[in-house]
């Protein structure tokens, strides 16, 4: 199960999962892009999709039930969907925008975990990978809403991992530096330039590089890491 799976890092992860024999469920808010993504993934293996509003409990519960009906179970959850909410100083940002970013980036993963974790507990197995951001560790200026939401996701990862540590379910998160995806369309050019200036490798993350890390964290090979934060920052954060 990959949220925001119709594009960017989510779609790159969806392309990689079938190599390990996984069926893929994509959730996204964009029905047209979901259809296109499913058509591209169909030759690789089993794929199903649902249009989901991640901030709505009923929408998430309905989609989770549909996924279990189609596939029998969900062993892997990748909470990838996220928005930036544009850029601006904290006191200049509209409260509705601030709340929407927190709702999508933090409340959404809470609702997906709430819907799917009980089934993982029942089966005694699961892998949850949350896609946070280096902004959640460093705090990007002119992105207080985004930074706060990703810091919250890191905290949620650590708490949930400890709650599930003896249940056979591992919960980890990835903190990428910027990857050049469509999310850049929500940002000002000066903010994009700022993010690049902070990366010692002087390049943005490739989505396939993120997919490789997600693939390992979602696998049985990842067996003794939980509550961990895995950087993909090109040297920006070394802690």
Protein backbone atom coordinates (compact mmCIF):
# COMPACT_ATOMS: atom_id res chain seq x y z
CA UNK A 1 0.00 0.00 0.00
CA UNK A 2 1.56 3.26 -1.13
CA UNK A 3 -0.13 6.60 -0.51
CA UNK A 4 0.50 9.31 -3.06
CA UNK A 5 1.51 6.46 -5.33
CA UNK A 6 0.54 7.96 -8.66
CA UNK A 7 3.69 10.06 -9.04
CA UNK A 8 7.12 10.94 -7.71
CA UNK A 9 8.76 8.87 -4.99
CA UNK A 10 5.55 6.92 -4.43
CA UNK A 11 5.36 5.75 -8.03
CA UNK A 12 9.10 4.93 -8.09
CA UNK A 13 8.56 2.73 -5.01
CA UNK A 14 5.56 1.10 -6.69
CA UNK A 15 7.70 0.22 -9.72
CA UNK A 16 10.30 -1.42 -7.48
CA UNK A 17 8.03 -3.50 -5.23
CA UNK A 18 6.94 -6.08 -7.85
CA UNK A 19 10.59 -7.10 -8.30
CA UNK A 20 10.30 -8.70 -4.85
CA UNK A 21 6.96 -10.30 -5.64
CA UNK A 22 4.70 -7.74 -3.98
CA UNK A 23 1.28 -6.81 -5.25
CA UNK A 24 0.78 -3.06 -5.17
CA UNK A 25 -2.10 -0.92 -3.97
CA UNK A 26 -1.90 2.75 -4.89
CA UNK A 27 -3.83 5.46 -3.09
CA UNK A 28 -3.99 8.98 -4.46
CA UNK A 29 -6.39 11.90 -4.68
CA UNK A 30 -5.91 12.25 -8.47
CA UNK A 31 -8.06 9.67 -10.25
CA UNK A 32 -6.64 10.37 -13.72
CA UNK A 33 -3.05 9.96 -12.57
CA UNK A 34 -3.97 6.81 -10.66
CA UNK A 35 -5.39 5.25 -13.82
CA UNK A 36 -2.27 6.14 -15.77
CA UNK A 37 -0.01 4.76 -13.03
CA UNK A 38 -1.95 1.50 -12.86
CA UNK A 39 -1.66 1.06 -16.63
CA UNK A 40 2.10 1.51 -16.44
CA UNK A 41 2.45 -0.92 -13.54
CA UNK A 42 0.11 -3.63 -14.87
CA UNK A 43 2.82 -5.48 -16.86
CA UNK A 44 4.91 -5.80 -13.68
CA UNK A 45 2.35 -7.56 -11.48
CA UNK A 46 -0.85 -7.20 -9.50
CA UNK A 47 -1.97 -3.62 -8.95
CA UNK A 48 -5.13 -1.99 -7.63
CA UNK A 49 -6.00 1.61 -6.90
CA UNK A 50 -8.31 3.74 -4.79
CA UNK A 51 -9.04 7.45 -4.86
CA UNK A 52 -8.60 8.47 -1.24
CA UNK A 53 -8.86 11.67 0.76
CA UNK A 54 -6.29 10.82 3.40
CA UNK A 55 -7.57 13.36 5.90
CA UNK A 56 -11.03 11.76 5.94
CA UNK A 57 -11.42 8.79 8.28
CA UNK A 58 -14.31 7.28 6.32
CA UNK A 59 -12.46 7.54 3.00
CA UNK A 60 -9.39 5.83 4.46
CA UNK A 61 -11.41 3.06 6.12
CA UNK A 62 -13.33 2.35 2.91
CA UNK A 63 -10.16 2.17 0.83
CA UNK A 64 -8.44 -0.05 3.39
CA UNK A 65 -11.36 -2.48 3.31
CA UNK A 66 -11.25 -2.51 -0.50
CA UNK A 67 -7.51 -3.28 -0.48
CA UNK A 68 -7.93 -6.17 1.94
CA UNK A 69 -10.85 -7.51 -0.11
CA UNK A 70 -8.76 -7.37 -3.29
CA UNK A 71 -5.47 -8.71 -1.91
CA UNK A 72 -6.39 -10.57 1.28
CA UNK A 73 -4.01 -8.57 3.47
CA UNK A 74 -1.71 -5.56 3.59
CA UNK A 75 1.79 -6.37 4.86
CA UNK A 76 3.51 -3.15 3.82
CA UNK A 77 2.38 0.44 4.24
CA UNK A 78 4.34 3.31 2.71
CA UNK A 79 3.03 6.68 3.89
CA UNK A 80 4.37 8.81 1.05
CA UNK A 81 1.64 11.34 0.23
CA UNK A 82 2.47 14.90 1.15
CA UNK A 83 2.07 18.54 0.21
CA UNK A 84 4.23 21.61 0.82
CA UNK A 85 1.53 24.24 1.10
CA UNK A 86 3.71 26.77 -0.70
CA UNK A 87 6.28 29.02 0.94
CA UNK A 88 6.08 31.98 3.26
CA UNK A 89 7.10 33.20 6.67
CA UNK A 90 5.09 31.70 9.53
CA UNK A 91 3.13 34.88 10.24
CA UNK A 92 2.32 35.31 6.55
CA UNK A 93 0.90 31.82 6.03
CA UNK A 94 -2.87 31.43 6.02
CA UNK A 95 -4.12 29.34 8.98
CA UNK A 96 -6.21 27.16 6.65
CA UNK A 97 -3.11 26.35 4.59
CA UNK A 98 -1.12 25.59 7.73
CA UNK A 99 -3.80 23.19 8.96
CA UNK A 100 -4.17 21.49 5.58
CA UNK A 101 -0.44 20.69 5.44
CA UNK A 102 -0.56 19.19 8.94
CA UNK A 103 -3.70 17.25 8.06
CA UNK A 104 -2.28 15.69 4.87
CA UNK A 105 1.28 15.12 6.06
CA UNK A 106 0.65 13.98 9.64
CA UNK A 107 -3.02 13.20 10.28
CA UNK A 108 -3.16 11.22 7.02
CA UNK A 109 -0.42 8.76 8.08
CA UNK A 110 -2.07 8.45 11.49
CA UNK A 111 -5.37 7.46 9.86
CA UNK A 112 -3.74 4.96 7.47
CA UNK A 113 -1.81 3.33 10.31
CA UNK A 114 -4.95 3.26 12.44
CA UNK A 115 -6.79 1.45 9.65
CA UNK A 116 -4.12 -1.12 8.80
CA UNK A 117 -2.05 -1.80 11.93
CA UNK A 118 -4.69 -4.00 13.66
CA UNK A 119 -4.56 -6.46 10.75
CA UNK A 120 -0.76 -6.53 10.88
CA UNK A 121 -0.91 -7.23 14.61
CA UNK A 122 -3.34 -10.09 14.02
CA UNK A 123 -0.97 -11.68 11.48
CA UNK A 124 2.18 -10.90 13.47
CA UNK A 125 3.95 -9.19 10.59
CA UNK A 126 4.22 -5.77 8.99
CA UNK A 127 6.50 -3.10 7.62
CA UNK A 128 5.60 0.59 7.78
CA UNK A 129 7.75 3.17 6.02
CA UNK A 130 6.96 6.84 6.56
CA UNK A 131 8.36 9.38 4.13
CA UNK A 132 9.31 12.38 6.24
CA UNK A 133 11.83 15.03 5.16
CA UNK A 134 15.15 16.52 6.13
CA UNK A 135 13.07 19.64 6.83
CA UNK A 136 11.60 17.75 9.78
CA UNK A 137 15.07 17.56 11.31
CA UNK A 138 16.55 20.91 10.30
CA UNK A 139 13.49 23.14 9.92
CA UNK A 140 13.44 24.96 6.59
CA UNK A 141 12.80 28.70 6.68
CA UNK A 142 9.64 29.78 4.86
CA UNK A 143 8.23 26.27 5.34
CA UNK A 144 7.24 26.13 9.00
CA UNK A 145 4.05 24.19 8.26
CA UNK A 146 5.86 21.58 6.15
CA UNK A 147 8.79 21.30 8.58
CA UNK A 148 6.48 20.92 11.57
CA UNK A 149 4.40 18.24 9.84
CA UNK A 150 7.48 16.19 8.96
CA UNK A 151 8.96 16.58 12.44
CA UNK A 152 5.65 15.28 13.76
CA UNK A 153 5.83 12.30 11.40
CA UNK A 154 9.30 11.47 12.69
CA UNK A 155 7.98 11.56 16.25
CA UNK A 156 4.98 9.42 15.34
CA UNK A 157 7.31 6.89 13.71
CA UNK A 158 9.35 6.52 16.88
CA UNK A 159 6.30 6.18 19.13
CA UNK A 160 4.52 3.66 16.94
CA UNK A 161 7.70 1.63 16.51
CA UNK A 162 8.02 1.22 20.27
CA UNK A 163 4.36 0.26 20.57
CA UNK A 164 4.81 -2.46 17.94
CA UNK A 165 8.37 -3.58 18.72
CA UNK A 166 7.28 -7.02 19.93
CA UNK A 167 4.47 -7.48 17.43
CA UNK A 168 6.59 -8.37 14.40
CA UNK A 169 5.92 -4.97 12.85
CA UNK A 170 8.77 -2.58 12.09
CA UNK A 171 8.17 1.14 11.66
CA UNK A 172 10.84 3.37 10.16
CA UNK A 173 11.02 6.65 8.32
CA UNK A 174 13.10 8.17 5.57
CA UNK A 175 14.17 11.82 5.60
CA UNK A 176 15.00 12.78 2.03
CA UNK A 177 16.52 16.01 0.96
CA UNK A 178 14.63 17.46 -1.98
CA UNK A 179 13.84 15.20 -4.92
CA UNK A 180 12.93 16.96 -8.13
CA UNK A 181 9.32 15.91 -8.49
CA UNK A 182 6.04 17.68 -9.16
CA UNK A 183 6.03 18.90 -5.57
CA UNK A 184 8.47 21.56 -6.79
CA UNK A 185 5.52 23.14 -8.56
CA UNK A 186 4.22 24.19 -5.12
CA UNK A 187 7.47 25.99 -4.21
CA UNK A 188 9.07 29.30 -5.03
CA UNK A 189 12.28 29.13 -7.08
CA UNK A 190 14.27 30.80 -4.31
CA UNK A 191 13.20 28.04 -1.91
CA UNK A 192 14.27 25.37 -4.41
CA UNK A 193 17.63 27.13 -4.77
CA UNK A 194 17.98 27.29 -0.99
CA UNK A 195 17.41 23.55 -0.65
CA UNK A 196 20.00 22.75 -3.31
CA UNK A 197 22.54 25.04 -1.67
CA UNK A 198 22.32 22.96 1.51
CA UNK A 199 23.21 19.66 -0.19
CA UNK A 200 26.99 19.00 -0.29
CA UNK A 201 26.60 16.67 -3.29
CA UNK A 202 25.10 19.66 -5.14
CA UNK A 203 22.28 17.66 -6.71
CA UNK A 204 18.77 16.62 -5.87
CA UNK A 205 17.75 13.12 -4.82
CA UNK A 206 16.72 10.69 -7.55
CA UNK A 207 13.34 9.06 -6.96
CA UNK A 208 14.84 5.67 -7.79
CA UNK A 209 17.36 6.18 -4.97
CA UNK A 210 14.52 6.78 -2.55
CA UNK A 211 12.70 3.71 -3.90
CA UNK A 212 15.75 1.55 -3.19
CA UNK A 213 15.78 2.59 0.48
CA UNK A 214 12.03 2.13 0.79
CA UNK A 215 12.30 -1.31 -0.78
CA UNK A 216 14.82 -2.46 1.82
CA UNK A 217 12.90 -1.02 4.75
CA UNK A 218 9.77 -2.79 3.48
CA UNK A 219 11.53 -6.15 3.16
CA UNK A 220 12.18 -9.09 5.45
CA UNK A 221 15.89 -8.25 5.20
CA UNK A 222 15.16 -5.25 7.42
CA UNK A 223 14.72 -7.20 10.63
CA UNK A 224 16.34 -5.27 13.49
CA UNK A 225 15.76 -1.61 12.63
CA UNK A 226 12.65 0.03 13.99
CA UNK A 227 11.91 3.59 15.06
CA UNK A 228 14.88 4.66 12.97
CA UNK A 229 15.39 7.68 10.74
CA UNK A 230 17.24 6.97 7.50
CA UNK A 231 18.70 10.03 5.80
CA UNK A 232 18.80 10.49 2.05
CA UNK A 233 20.26 13.97 2.20
CA UNK A 234 23.38 13.99 0.00
CA UNK A 235 25.43 14.89 3.06
CA UNK A 236 23.16 17.69 4.34
CA UNK A 237 22.39 15.91 7.61
CA UNK A 238 24.94 13.56 9.12
CA UNK A 239 23.28 12.97 12.48
